[in-house]
Amino acid sequence: MSNFKWCHGPSCHKDKTQDRVRGSKGSKVLRTRKIKQHTESKWYRPNDFMNYFCSNGCYNQFAHKHIERIAAIAPRNEPLETPIEDPIKETNETNYGHRYTSTHIKLKGVDTAE
């Protein structure tokens, strides 16, 4: 059975789109959008942020409004690092005679098929 969640965008209920208009004549309102949760589908991912926001715009508004509290959940005081092998630079030429350089970066200790 599918269920719904309300969009968490702080201004979702202010966007002037026809699908948000609700109410009877004389008492119309703009309402926050519902987001259908396809919980029985194979492709459903419960932790996906789009289960909580109707659009990237609503997600961005929420993130901008609450960024300090979001960052406080897992503060980062040091950079993260991933060991790599020395990068390999390769110079090639296009069919039109233009030269370009590609840099190939390989993670250290990781066997990856190219």
PDB file of N, CA and C in Angstrom:
ATOM      1  N   MET A   1       0.842  -1.182   0.000  1.00  0.00           N
ATOM      2  CA  MET A   1       0.000   0.000   0.000  1.00  0.00           C
ATOM      3  C   MET A   1       0.887   1.246   0.000  1.00  0.00           C
ATOM      4  N   SER A   2       0.605   2.184  -0.861  1.00  0.00           N
ATOM      5  CA  SER A   2       1.358   3.435  -0.929  1.00  0.00           C
ATOM      6  C   SER A   2       0.827   4.416   0.101  1.00  0.00           C
ATOM      7  N   ASN A   3       1.732   5.199   0.637  1.00  0.00           N
ATOM      8  CA  ASN A   3       1.317   6.254   1.558  1.00  0.00           C
ATOM      9  C   ASN A   3       1.943   7.570   1.098  1.00  0.00           C
ATOM     10  N   PHE A   4       1.709   8.626   1.834  1.00  0.00           N
ATOM     11  CA  PHE A   4       2.165   9.949   1.434  1.00  0.00           C
ATOM     12  C   PHE A   4       2.897  10.626   2.574  1.00  0.00           C
ATOM     13  N   LYS A   5       3.773  11.581   2.211  1.00  0.00           N
ATOM     14  CA  LYS A   5       4.404  12.489   3.164  1.00  0.00           C
ATOM     15  C   LYS A   5       4.210  13.894   2.611  1.00  0.00           C
ATOM     16  N   TRP A   6       4.180  14.871   3.493  1.00  0.00           N
ATOM     17  CA  TRP A   6       4.088  16.254   3.066  1.00  0.00           C
ATOM     18  C   TRP A   6       5.484  16.775   2.754  1.00  0.00           C
ATOM     19  N   CYS A   7       5.585  17.617   1.738  1.00  0.00           N
ATOM     20  CA  CYS A   7       6.859  18.238   1.379  1.00  0.00           C
ATOM     21  C   CYS A   7       7.378  19.055   2.561  1.00  0.00           C
ATOM     22  N   HIS A   8       8.669  18.966   2.815  1.00  0.00           N
ATOM     23  CA  HIS A   8       9.287  19.684   3.927  1.00  0.00           C
ATOM     24  C   HIS A   8       9.844  21.048   3.514  1.00  0.00           C
ATOM     25  N   GLY A   9       9.657  21.438   2.259  1.00  0.00           N
ATOM     26  CA  GLY A   9      10.130  22.748   1.795  1.00  0.00           C
ATOM     27  C   GLY A   9       9.459  23.861   2.571  1.00  0.00           C
ATOM     28  N   PRO A  10      10.234  24.806   3.116  1.00  0.00           N
ATOM     29  CA  PRO A  10       9.649  25.858   3.955  1.00  0.00           C
ATOM     30  C   PRO A  10       8.712  26.804   3.207  1.00  0.00           C
ATOM     31  N   SER A  11       8.833  26.887   1.897  1.00  0.00           N
ATOM     32  CA  SER A  11       7.969  27.789   1.119  1.00  0.00           C
ATOM     33  C   SER A  11       7.106  27.045   0.120  1.00  0.00           C
ATOM     34  N   CYS A  12       7.007  25.729   0.247  1.00  0.00           N
ATOM     35  CA  CYS A  12       6.230  24.932  -0.705  1.00  0.00           C
ATOM     36  C   CYS A  12       4.794  25.423  -0.788  1.00  0.00           C
ATOM     37  N   HIS A  13       4.228  25.815   0.335  1.00  0.00           N
ATOM     38  CA  HIS A  13       2.829  26.257   0.366  1.00  0.00           C
ATOM     39  C   HIS A  13       2.635  27.670  -0.192  1.00  0.00           C
ATOM     40  N   LYS A  14       3.727  28.321  -0.611  1.00  0.00           N
ATOM     41  CA  LYS A  14       3.633  29.672  -1.167  1.00  0.00           C
ATOM     42  C   LYS A  14       3.827  29.696  -2.677  1.00  0.00           C
ATOM     43  N   ASP A  15       4.280  28.588  -3.264  1.00  0.00           N
ATOM     44  CA  ASP A  15       4.483  28.538  -4.711  1.00  0.00           C
ATOM     45  C   ASP A  15       3.141  28.575  -5.423  1.00  0.00           C
ATOM     46  N   LYS A  16       3.025  29.465  -6.371  1.00  0.00           N
ATOM     47  CA  LYS A  16       1.739  29.698  -7.049  1.00  0.00           C
ATOM     48  C   LYS A  16       1.597  28.773  -8.254  1.00  0.00           C
ATOM     49  N   THR A  17       1.283  27.507  -7.980  1.00  0.00           N
ATOM     50  CA  THR A  17       1.026  26.551  -9.056  1.00  0.00           C
ATOM     51  C   THR A  17      -0.373  25.976  -8.857  1.00  0.00           C
ATOM     52  N   GLN A  18      -0.988  25.597  -9.954  1.00  0.00           N
ATOM     53  CA  GLN A  18      -2.380  25.153  -9.924  1.00  0.00           C
ATOM     54  C   GLN A  18      -2.585  23.889  -9.087  1.00  0.00           C
ATOM     55  N   ASP A  19      -1.594  23.002  -9.056  1.00  0.00           N
ATOM     56  CA  ASP A  19      -1.774  21.760  -8.299  1.00  0.00           C
ATOM     57  C   ASP A  19      -1.775  21.982  -6.787  1.00  0.00           C
ATOM     58  N   ARG A  20      -1.382  23.171  -6.333  1.00  0.00           N
ATOM     59  CA  ARG A  20      -1.388  23.464  -4.898  1.00  0.00           C
ATOM     60  C   ARG A  20      -2.695  24.135  -4.442  1.00  0.00           C
ATOM     61  N   VAL A  21      -3.524  24.573  -5.363  1.00  0.00           N
ATOM     62  CA  VAL A  21      -4.767  25.274  -5.018  1.00  0.00           C
ATOM     63  C   VAL A  21      -5.767  24.269  -4.445  1.00  0.00           C
ATOM     64  N   ARG A  22      -6.295  24.584  -3.269  1.00  0.00           N
ATOM     65  CA  ARG A  22      -7.273  23.733  -2.605  1.00  0.00           C
ATOM     66  C   ARG A  22      -8.367  24.595  -2.004  1.00  0.00           C
ATOM     67  N   GLY A  23      -9.509  23.991  -1.684  1.00  0.00           N
ATOM     68  CA  GLY A  23     -10.595  24.693  -1.004  1.00  0.00           C
ATOM     69  C   GLY A  23     -11.757  24.985  -1.928  1.00  0.00           C
ATOM     70  N   SER A  24     -12.826  25.411  -1.313  1.00  0.00           N
ATOM     71  CA  SER A  24     -14.039  25.731  -2.079  1.00  0.00           C
ATOM     72  C   SER A  24     -14.033  27.212  -2.459  1.00  0.00           C
ATOM     73  N   LYS A  25     -14.932  27.574  -3.371  1.00  0.00           N
ATOM     74  CA  LYS A  25     -14.994  28.937  -3.875  1.00  0.00           C
ATOM     75  C   LYS A  25     -15.143  29.915  -2.708  1.00  0.00           C
ATOM     76  N   GLY A  26     -14.292  30.922  -2.718  1.00  0.00           N
ATOM     77  CA  GLY A  26     -14.345  31.929  -1.659  1.00  0.00           C
ATOM     78  C   GLY A  26     -13.374  31.661  -0.515  1.00  0.00           C
ATOM     79  N   SER A  27     -12.871  30.443  -0.399  1.00  0.00           N
ATOM     80  CA  SER A  27     -11.911  30.139   0.672  1.00  0.00           C
ATOM     81  C   SER A  27     -10.789  29.247   0.135  1.00  0.00           C
ATOM     82  N   LYS A  28     -10.170  29.682  -0.940  1.00  0.00           N
ATOM     83  CA  LYS A  28      -9.078  28.939  -1.568  1.00  0.00           C
ATOM     84  C   LYS A  28      -7.777  29.154  -0.796  1.00  0.00           C
ATOM     85  N   VAL A  29      -6.917  28.151  -0.825  1.00  0.00           N
ATOM     86  CA  VAL A  29      -5.597  28.235  -0.198  1.00  0.00           C
ATOM     87  C   VAL A  29      -4.576  27.557  -1.115  1.00  0.00           C
ATOM     88  N   LEU A  30      -3.303  27.909  -0.930  1.00  0.00           N
ATOM     89  CA  LEU A  30      -2.199  27.172  -1.546  1.00  0.00           C
ATOM     90  C   LEU A  30      -1.698  26.200  -0.492  1.00  0.00           C
ATOM     91  N   ARG A  31      -1.636  24.938  -0.817  1.00  0.00           N
ATOM     92  CA  ARG A  31      -1.275  23.901   0.147  1.00  0.00           C
ATOM     93  C   ARG A  31       0.047  23.237  -0.260  1.00  0.00           C
ATOM     94  N   THR A  32       0.797  22.829   0.737  1.00  0.00           N
ATOM     95  CA  THR A  32       2.017  22.059   0.526  1.00  0.00           C
ATOM     96  C   THR A  32       1.688  20.794  -0.257  1.00  0.00           C
ATOM     97  N   ARG A  33       2.603  20.402  -1.153  1.00  0.00           N
ATOM     98  CA  ARG A  33       2.379  19.200  -1.956  1.00  0.00           C
ATOM     99  C   ARG A  33       2.568  17.928  -1.134  1.00  0.00           C
ATOM    100  N   LYS A  34       1.827  16.890  -1.525  1.00  0.00           N
ATOM    101  CA  LYS A  34       2.018  15.543  -0.976  1.00  0.00           C
ATOM    102  C   LYS A  34       3.001  14.806  -1.865  1.00  0.00           C
ATOM    103  N   ILE A  35       3.842  13.974  -1.263  1.00  0.00           N
ATOM    104  CA  ILE A  35       4.776  13.146  -2.016  1.00  0.00           C
ATOM    105  C   ILE A  35       4.389  11.693  -1.816  1.00  0.00           C
ATOM    106  N   LYS A  36       4.042  11.037  -2.898  1.00  0.00           N
ATOM    107  CA  LYS A  36       3.637   9.637  -2.821  1.00  0.00           C
ATOM    108  C   LYS A  36       4.851   8.769  -2.523  1.00  0.00           C
ATOM    109  N   GLN A  37       4.701   7.849  -1.591  1.00  0.00           N
ATOM    110  CA  GLN A  37       5.756   6.912  -1.229  1.00  0.00           C
ATOM    111  C   GLN A  37       5.430   5.560  -1.866  1.00  0.00           C
ATOM    112  N   HIS A  38       6.250   5.147  -2.793  1.00  0.00           N
ATOM    113  CA  HIS A  38       6.020   3.886  -3.509  1.00  0.00           C
ATOM    114  C   HIS A  38       6.723   2.749  -2.771  1.00  0.00           C
ATOM    115  N   THR A  39       6.313   2.497  -1.552  1.00  0.00           N
ATOM    116  CA  THR A  39       7.017   1.557  -0.675  1.00  0.00           C
ATOM    117  C   THR A  39       7.004   0.121  -1.183  1.00  0.00           C
ATOM    118  N   GLU A  40       6.046  -0.254  -2.011  1.00  0.00           N
ATOM    119  CA  GLU A  40       5.982  -1.633  -2.495  1.00  0.00           C
ATOM    120  C   GLU A  40       6.772  -1.836  -3.784  1.00  0.00           C
ATOM    121  N   SER A  41       7.337  -0.773  -4.344  1.00  0.00           N
ATOM    122  CA  SER A  41       8.093  -0.884  -5.592  1.00  0.00           C
ATOM    123  C   SER A  41       9.531  -1.326  -5.332  1.00  0.00           C
ATOM    124  N   LYS A  42      10.103  -2.064  -6.279  1.00  0.00           N
ATOM    125  CA  LYS A  42      11.489  -2.525  -6.157  1.00  0.00           C
ATOM    126  C   LYS A  42      12.470  -1.365  -6.101  1.00  0.00           C
ATOM    127  N   TRP A  43      12.176  -0.298  -6.822  1.00  0.00           N
ATOM    128  CA  TRP A  43      13.101   0.822  -6.920  1.00  0.00           C
ATOM    129  C   TRP A  43      12.976   1.809  -5.760  1.00  0.00           C
ATOM    130  N   TYR A  44      12.058   1.596  -4.830  1.00  0.00           N
ATOM    131  CA  TYR A  44      11.872   2.514  -3.701  1.00  0.00           C
ATOM    132  C   TYR A  44      13.087   2.484  -2.787  1.00  0.00           C
ATOM    133  N   ARG A  45      13.626   3.658  -2.471  1.00  0.00           N
ATOM    134  CA  ARG A  45      14.742   3.775  -1.525  1.00  0.00           C
ATOM    135  C   ARG A  45      14.268   4.610  -0.339  1.00  0.00           C
ATOM    136  N   PRO A  46      14.126   4.000   0.830  1.00  0.00           N
ATOM    137  CA  PRO A  46      13.549   4.707   1.975  1.00  0.00           C
ATOM    138  C   PRO A  46      14.348   5.934   2.426  1.00  0.00           C
ATOM    139  N   ASN A  47      15.659   5.966   2.208  1.00  0.00           N
ATOM    140  CA  ASN A  47      16.475   7.083   2.679  1.00  0.00           C
ATOM    141  C   ASN A  47      16.693   8.169   1.636  1.00  0.00           C
ATOM    142  N   ASP A  48      16.009   8.100   0.513  1.00  0.00           N
ATOM    143  CA  ASP A  48      16.185   9.091  -0.547  1.00  0.00           C
ATOM    144  C   ASP A  48      15.569  10.419  -0.130  1.00  0.00           C
ATOM    145  N   PHE A  49      16.285  11.527  -0.348  1.00  0.00           N
ATOM    146  CA  PHE A  49      15.772  12.822   0.070  1.00  0.00           C
ATOM    147  C   PHE A  49      14.512  13.229  -0.698  1.00  0.00           C
ATOM    148  N   MET A  50      14.314  12.673  -1.880  1.00  0.00           N
ATOM    149  CA  MET A  50      13.116  13.036  -2.639  1.00  0.00           C
ATOM    150  C   MET A  50      11.841  12.395  -2.070  1.00  0.00           C
ATOM    151  N   ASN A  51      11.961  11.595  -1.027  1.00  0.00           N
ATOM    152  CA  ASN A  51      10.782  11.119  -0.302  1.00  0.00           C
ATOM    153  C   ASN A  51      10.227  12.212   0.614  1.00  0.00           C
ATOM    154  N   TYR A  52      10.977  13.292   0.794  1.00  0.00           N
ATOM    155  CA  TYR A  52      10.598  14.347   1.718  1.00  0.00           C
ATOM    156  C   TYR A  52      10.393  15.704   1.049  1.00  0.00           C
ATOM    157  N   PHE A  53      10.778  15.812  -0.225  1.00  0.00           N
ATOM    158  CA  PHE A  53      10.687  17.084  -0.941  1.00  0.00           C
ATOM    159  C   PHE A  53      10.063  16.854  -2.308  1.00  0.00           C
ATOM    160  N   CYS A  54       9.200  17.783  -2.734  1.00  0.00           N
ATOM    161  CA  CYS A  54       8.515  17.628  -4.022  1.00  0.00           C
ATOM    162  C   CYS A  54       9.388  18.067  -5.192  1.00  0.00           C
ATOM    163  N   SER A  55      10.470  18.805  -4.911  1.00  0.00           N
ATOM    164  CA  SER A  55      11.341  19.280  -5.985  1.00  0.00           C
ATOM    165  C   SER A  55      12.714  19.605  -5.419  1.00  0.00           C
ATOM    166  N   ASN A  56      13.683  19.794  -6.314  1.00  0.00           N
ATOM    167  CA  ASN A  56      15.010  20.225  -5.869  1.00  0.00           C
ATOM    168  C   ASN A  56      14.946  21.621  -5.270  1.00  0.00           C
ATOM    169  N   GLY A  57      14.037  22.457  -5.766  1.00  0.00           N
ATOM    170  CA  GLY A  57      13.878  23.802  -5.213  1.00  0.00           C
ATOM    171  C   GLY A  57      13.478  23.770  -3.746  1.00  0.00           C
ATOM    172  N   CYS A  58      12.509  22.920  -3.407  1.00  0.00           N
ATOM    173  CA  CYS A  58      12.081  22.794  -2.001  1.00  0.00           C
ATOM    174  C   CYS A  58      13.212  22.228  -1.144  1.00  0.00           C
ATOM    175  N   TYR A  59      13.949  21.257  -1.690  1.00  0.00           N
ATOM    176  CA  TYR A  59      15.089  20.695  -0.961  1.00  0.00           C
ATOM    177  C   TYR A  59      16.140  21.783  -0.696  1.00  0.00           C
ATOM    178  N   ASN A  60      16.465  22.586  -1.707  1.00  0.00           N
ATOM    179  CA  ASN A  60      17.467  23.639  -1.547  1.00  0.00           C
ATOM    180  C   ASN A  60      17.016  24.699  -0.546  1.00  0.00           C
ATOM    181  N   GLN A  61      15.738  25.070  -0.567  1.00  0.00           N
ATOM    182  CA  GLN A  61      15.232  26.041   0.408  1.00  0.00           C
ATOM    183  C   GLN A  61      15.387  25.503   1.831  1.00  0.00           C
ATOM    184  N   PHE A  62      15.062  24.226   2.016  1.00  0.00           N
ATOM    185  CA  PHE A  62      15.191  23.598   3.329  1.00  0.00           C
ATOM    186  C   PHE A  62      16.658  23.587   3.775  1.00  0.00           C
ATOM    187  N   ALA A  63      17.556  23.188   2.861  1.00  0.00           N
ATOM    188  CA  ALA A  63      18.980  23.118   3.198  1.00  0.00           C
ATOM    189  C   ALA A  63      19.533  24.497   3.534  1.00  0.00           C
ATOM    190  N   HIS A  64      19.172  25.526   2.768  1.00  0.00           N
ATOM    191  CA  HIS A  64      19.657  26.875   3.055  1.00  0.00           C
ATOM    192  C   HIS A  64      19.137  27.383   4.389  1.00  0.00           C
ATOM    193  N   LYS A  65      17.907  27.059   4.713  1.00  0.00           N
ATOM    194  CA  LYS A  65      17.318  27.522   5.973  1.00  0.00           C
ATOM    195  C   LYS A  65      17.941  26.820   7.189  1.00  0.00           C
ATOM    196  N   HIS A  66      18.295  25.542   7.036  1.00  0.00           N
ATOM    197  CA  HIS A  66      18.734  24.744   8.185  1.00  0.00           C
ATOM    198  C   HIS A  66      20.191  24.274   8.105  1.00  0.00           C
ATOM    199  N   ILE A  67      21.018  24.908   7.282  1.00  0.00           N
ATOM    200  CA  ILE A  67      22.373  24.412   7.038  1.00  0.00           C
ATOM    201  C   ILE A  67      23.214  24.321   8.312  1.00  0.00           C
ATOM    202  N   GLU A  68      23.092  25.271   9.212  1.00  0.00           N
ATOM    203  CA  GLU A  68      23.884  25.224  10.446  1.00  0.00           C
ATOM    204  C   GLU A  68      23.555  23.980  11.270  1.00  0.00           C
ATOM    205  N   ARG A  69      22.265  23.662  11.383  1.00  0.00           N
ATOM    206  CA  ARG A  69      21.858  22.480  12.157  1.00  0.00           C
ATOM    207  C   ARG A  69      22.197  21.190  11.422  1.00  0.00           C
ATOM    208  N   ILE A  70      22.109  21.200  10.094  1.00  0.00           N
ATOM    209  CA  ILE A  70      22.473  20.018   9.316  1.00  0.00           C
ATOM    210  C   ILE A  70      23.952  19.715   9.504  1.00  0.00           C
ATOM    211  N   ALA A  71      24.805  20.740   9.401  1.00  0.00           N
ATOM    212  CA  ALA A  71      26.247  20.549   9.564  1.00  0.00           C
ATOM    213  C   ALA A  71      26.601  20.134  10.989  1.00  0.00           C
ATOM    214  N   ALA A  72      25.797  20.554  11.970  1.00  0.00           N
ATOM    215  CA  ALA A  72      26.071  20.208  13.370  1.00  0.00           C
ATOM    216  C   ALA A  72      25.814  18.725  13.662  1.00  0.00           C
ATOM    217  N   ILE A  73      25.053  18.051  12.805  1.00  0.00           N
ATOM    218  CA  ILE A  73      24.789  16.623  13.012  1.00  0.00           C
ATOM    219  C   ILE A  73      26.088  15.827  12.945  1.00  0.00           C
ATOM    220  N   ALA A  74      26.929  16.148  11.988  1.00  0.00           N
ATOM    221  CA  ALA A  74      28.218  15.462  11.831  1.00  0.00           C
ATOM    222  C   ALA A  74      29.268  16.506  11.465  1.00  0.00           C
ATOM    223  N   PRO A  75      29.733  17.288  12.455  1.00  0.00           N
ATOM    224  CA  PRO A  75      30.696  18.348  12.148  1.00  0.00           C
ATOM    225  C   PRO A  75      32.007  17.783  11.599  1.00  0.00           C
ATOM    226  N   ARG A  76      32.605  18.518  10.678  1.00  0.00           N
ATOM    227  CA  ARG A  76      33.866  18.087  10.077  1.00  0.00           C
ATOM    228  C   ARG A  76      34.922  19.121  10.428  1.00  0.00           C
ATOM    229  N   ASN A  77      35.888  18.722  11.255  1.00  0.00           N
ATOM    230  CA  ASN A  77      36.956  19.617  11.687  1.00  0.00           C
ATOM    231  C   ASN A  77      38.269  19.310  10.987  1.00  0.00           C
ATOM    232  N   GLU A  78      38.318  18.200  10.268  1.00  0.00           N
ATOM    233  CA  GLU A  78      39.509  17.815   9.522  1.00  0.00           C
ATOM    234  C   GLU A  78      39.076  17.326   8.146  1.00  0.00           C
ATOM    235  N   PRO A  79      39.955  17.487   7.146  1.00  0.00           N
ATOM    236  CA  PRO A  79      39.589  16.996   5.819  1.00  0.00           C
ATOM    237  C   PRO A  79      39.654  15.472   5.761  1.00  0.00           C
ATOM    238  N   LEU A  80      38.888  14.894   4.868  1.00  0.00           N
ATOM    239  CA  LEU A  80      38.967  13.466   4.600  1.00  0.00           C
ATOM    240  C   LEU A  80      39.990  13.257   3.488  1.00  0.00           C
ATOM    241  N   GLU A  81      40.678  12.120   3.489  1.00  0.00           N
ATOM    242  CA  GLU A  81      41.666  11.831   2.455  1.00  0.00           C
ATOM    243  C   GLU A  81      41.525  10.395   1.986  1.00  0.00           C
ATOM    244  N   THR A  82      41.748  10.187   0.703  1.00  0.00           N
ATOM    245  CA  THR A  82      41.739   8.858   0.102  1.00  0.00           C
ATOM    246  C   THR A  82      43.094   8.631  -0.537  1.00  0.00           C
ATOM    247  N   PRO A  83      43.830   7.578  -0.134  1.00  0.00           N
ATOM    248  CA  PRO A  83      45.142   7.310  -0.734  1.00  0.00           C
ATOM    249  C   PRO A  83      45.019   6.951  -2.218  1.00  0.00           C
ATOM    250  N   ILE A  84      45.893   7.549  -3.027  1.00  0.00           N
ATOM    251  CA  ILE A  84      45.911   7.262  -4.459  1.00  0.00           C
ATOM    252  C   ILE A  84      47.331   6.943  -4.909  1.00  0.00           C
ATOM    253  N   GLU A  85      47.443   6.297  -6.046  1.00  0.00           N
ATOM    254  CA  GLU A  85      48.747   6.101  -6.674  1.00  0.00           C
ATOM    255  C   GLU A  85      49.097   7.398  -7.392  1.00  0.00           C
ATOM    256  N   ASP A  86      50.394   7.559  -7.764  1.00  0.00           N
ATOM    257  CA  ASP A  86      50.789   8.768  -8.474  1.00  0.00           C
ATOM    258  C   ASP A  86      49.958   8.903  -9.749  1.00  0.00           C
ATOM    259  N   PRO A  87      49.360  10.076  -9.981  1.00  0.00           N
ATOM    260  CA  PRO A  87      48.542  10.259 -11.188  1.00  0.00           C
ATOM    261  C   PRO A  87      49.375  10.097 -12.463  1.00  0.00           C
ATOM    262  N   ILE A  88      48.746   9.528 -13.476  1.00  0.00           N
ATOM    263  CA  ILE A  88      49.403   9.328 -14.764  1.00  0.00           C
ATOM    264  C   ILE A  88      48.816  10.348 -15.736  1.00  0.00           C
ATOM    265  N   LYS A  89      49.708  11.174 -16.315  1.00  0.00           N
ATOM    266  CA  LYS A  89      49.265  12.168 -17.295  1.00  0.00           C
ATOM    267  C   LYS A  89      49.531  11.622 -18.686  1.00  0.00           C
ATOM    268  N   GLU A  90      48.548  11.808 -19.552  1.00  0.00           N
ATOM    269  CA  GLU A  90      48.637  11.278 -20.910  1.00  0.00           C
ATOM    270  C   GLU A  90      48.217  12.388 -21.878  1.00  0.00           C
ATOM    271  N   THR A  91      49.092  12.688 -22.839  1.00  0.00           N
ATOM    272  CA  THR A  91      48.771  13.697 -23.831  1.00  0.00           C
ATOM    273  C   THR A  91      48.294  13.010 -25.102  1.00  0.00           C
ATOM    274  N   ASN A  92      47.158  13.467 -25.602  1.00  0.00           N
ATOM    275  CA  ASN A  92      46.566  12.898 -26.816  1.00  0.00           C
ATOM    276  C   ASN A  92      46.273  14.013 -27.807  1.00  0.00           C
ATOM    277  N   GLU A  93      45.866  13.591 -28.990  1.00  0.00           N
ATOM    278  CA  GLU A  93      45.519  14.554 -30.027  1.00  0.00           C
ATOM    279  C   GLU A  93      44.170  14.170 -30.621  1.00  0.00           C
ATOM    280  N   THR A  94      43.322  15.176 -30.848  1.00  0.00           N
ATOM    281  CA  THR A  94      42.016  14.906 -31.443  1.00  0.00           C
ATOM    282  C   THR A  94      42.172  14.695 -32.949  1.00  0.00           C
ATOM    283  N   ASN A  95      41.094  14.300 -33.600  1.00  0.00           N
ATOM    284  CA  ASN A  95      41.111  14.128 -35.056  1.00  0.00           C
ATOM    285  C   ASN A  95      41.374  15.440 -35.782  1.00  0.00           C
ATOM    286  N   TYR A  96      41.171  16.571 -35.078  1.00  0.00           N
ATOM    287  CA  TYR A  96      41.348  17.881 -35.684  1.00  0.00           C
ATOM    288  C   TYR A  96      42.706  18.494 -35.343  1.00  0.00           C
ATOM    289  N   GLY A  97      43.580  17.730 -34.699  1.00  0.00           N
ATOM    290  CA  GLY A  97      44.926  18.199 -34.398  1.00  0.00           C
ATOM    291  C   GLY A  97      45.082  18.955 -33.093  1.00  0.00           C
ATOM    292  N   HIS A  98      44.041  19.032 -32.278  1.00  0.00           N
ATOM    293  CA  HIS A  98      44.136  19.716 -30.984  1.00  0.00           C
ATOM    294  C   HIS A  98      44.698  18.755 -29.949  1.00  0.00           C
ATOM    295  N   ARG A  99      45.657  19.233 -29.171  1.00  0.00           N
ATOM    296  CA  ARG A  99      46.255  18.411 -28.121  1.00  0.00           C
ATOM    297  C   ARG A  99      45.521  18.650 -26.807  1.00  0.00           C
ATOM    298  N   TYR A 100      45.390  17.591 -26.036  1.00  0.00           N
ATOM    299  CA  TYR A 100      44.791  17.709 -24.705  1.00  0.00           C
ATOM    300  C   TYR A 100      45.469  16.702 -23.781  1.00  0.00           C
ATOM    301  N   THR A 101      45.448  17.009 -22.498  1.00  0.00           N
ATOM    302  CA  THR A 101      46.070  16.150 -21.495  1.00  0.00           C
ATOM    303  C   THR A 101      44.998  15.553 -20.602  1.00  0.00           C
ATOM    304  N   SER A 102      45.054  14.244 -20.395  1.00  0.00           N
ATOM    305  CA  SER A 102      44.160  13.543 -19.487  1.00  0.00           C
ATOM    306  C   SER A 102      44.965  13.093 -18.278  1.00  0.00           C
ATOM    307  N   THR A 103      44.374  13.200 -17.114  1.00  0.00           N
ATOM    308  CA  THR A 103      45.011  12.720 -15.889  1.00  0.00           C
ATOM    309  C   THR A 103      44.207  11.536 -15.382  1.00  0.00           C
ATOM    310  N   HIS A 104      44.877  10.395 -15.196  1.00  0.00           N
ATOM    311  CA  HIS A 104      44.221   9.189 -14.702  1.00  0.00           C
ATOM    312  C   HIS A 104      44.605   9.003 -13.238  1.00  0.00           C
ATOM    313  N   ILE A 105      43.601   8.943 -12.387  1.00  0.00           N
ATOM    314  CA  ILE A 105      43.828   8.792 -10.947  1.00  0.00           C
ATOM    315  C   ILE A 105      43.276   7.422 -10.533  1.00  0.00           C
ATOM    316  N   LYS A 106      44.122   6.636  -9.864  1.00  0.00           N
ATOM    317  CA  LYS A 106      43.731   5.313  -9.411  1.00  0.00           C
ATOM    318  C   LYS A 106      43.845   5.251  -7.895  1.00  0.00           C
ATOM    319  N   LEU A 107      42.824   4.729  -7.241  1.00  0.00           N
ATOM    320  CA  LEU A 107      42.865   4.580  -5.795  1.00  0.00           C
ATOM    321  C   LEU A 107      43.893   3.532  -5.411  1.00  0.00           C
ATOM    322  N   LYS A 108      44.607   3.794  -4.359  1.00  0.00           N
ATOM    323  CA  LYS A 108      45.646   2.874  -3.901  1.00  0.00           C
ATOM    324  C   LYS A 108      45.007   1.663  -3.237  1.00  0.00           C
ATOM    325  N   GLY A 109      45.451   0.477  -3.642  1.00  0.00           N
ATOM    326  CA  GLY A 109      44.984  -0.746  -3.026  1.00  0.00           C
ATOM    327  C   GLY A 109      43.608  -1.200  -3.461  1.00  0.00           C
ATOM    328  N   VAL A 110      43.030  -0.549  -4.481  1.00  0.00           N
ATOM    329  CA  VAL A 110      41.710  -0.924  -4.950  1.00  0.00           C
ATOM    330  C   VAL A 110      41.862  -1.485  -6.356  1.00  0.00           C
ATOM    331  N   ASP A 111      41.378  -2.690  -6.542  1.00  0.00           N
ATOM    332  CA  ASP A 111      41.444  -3.324  -7.859  1.00  0.00           C
ATOM    333  C   ASP A 111      40.213  -2.932  -8.632  1.00  0.00           C
ATOM    334  N   THR A 112      40.371  -2.062  -9.642  1.00  0.00           N
ATOM    335  CA  THR A 112      39.230  -1.612 -10.431  1.00  0.00           C
ATOM    336  C   THR A 112      39.430  -2.009 -11.876  1.00  0.00           C
ATOM    337  N   ALA A 113      38.390  -2.514 -12.478  1.00  0.00           N
ATOM    338  CA  ALA A 113      38.429  -2.860 -13.895  1.00  0.00           C
ATOM    339  C   ALA A 113      38.113  -1.610 -14.700  1.00  0.00           C
ATOM    340  N   GLU A 114      38.945  -1.333 -15.706  1.00  0.00           N
ATOM    341  CA  GLU A 114      38.702  -0.138 -16.528  1.00  0.00           C
ATOM    342  C   GLU A 114      38.087  -0.490 -17.823  1.00  0.00           C
TER     343      GLU A 114
END
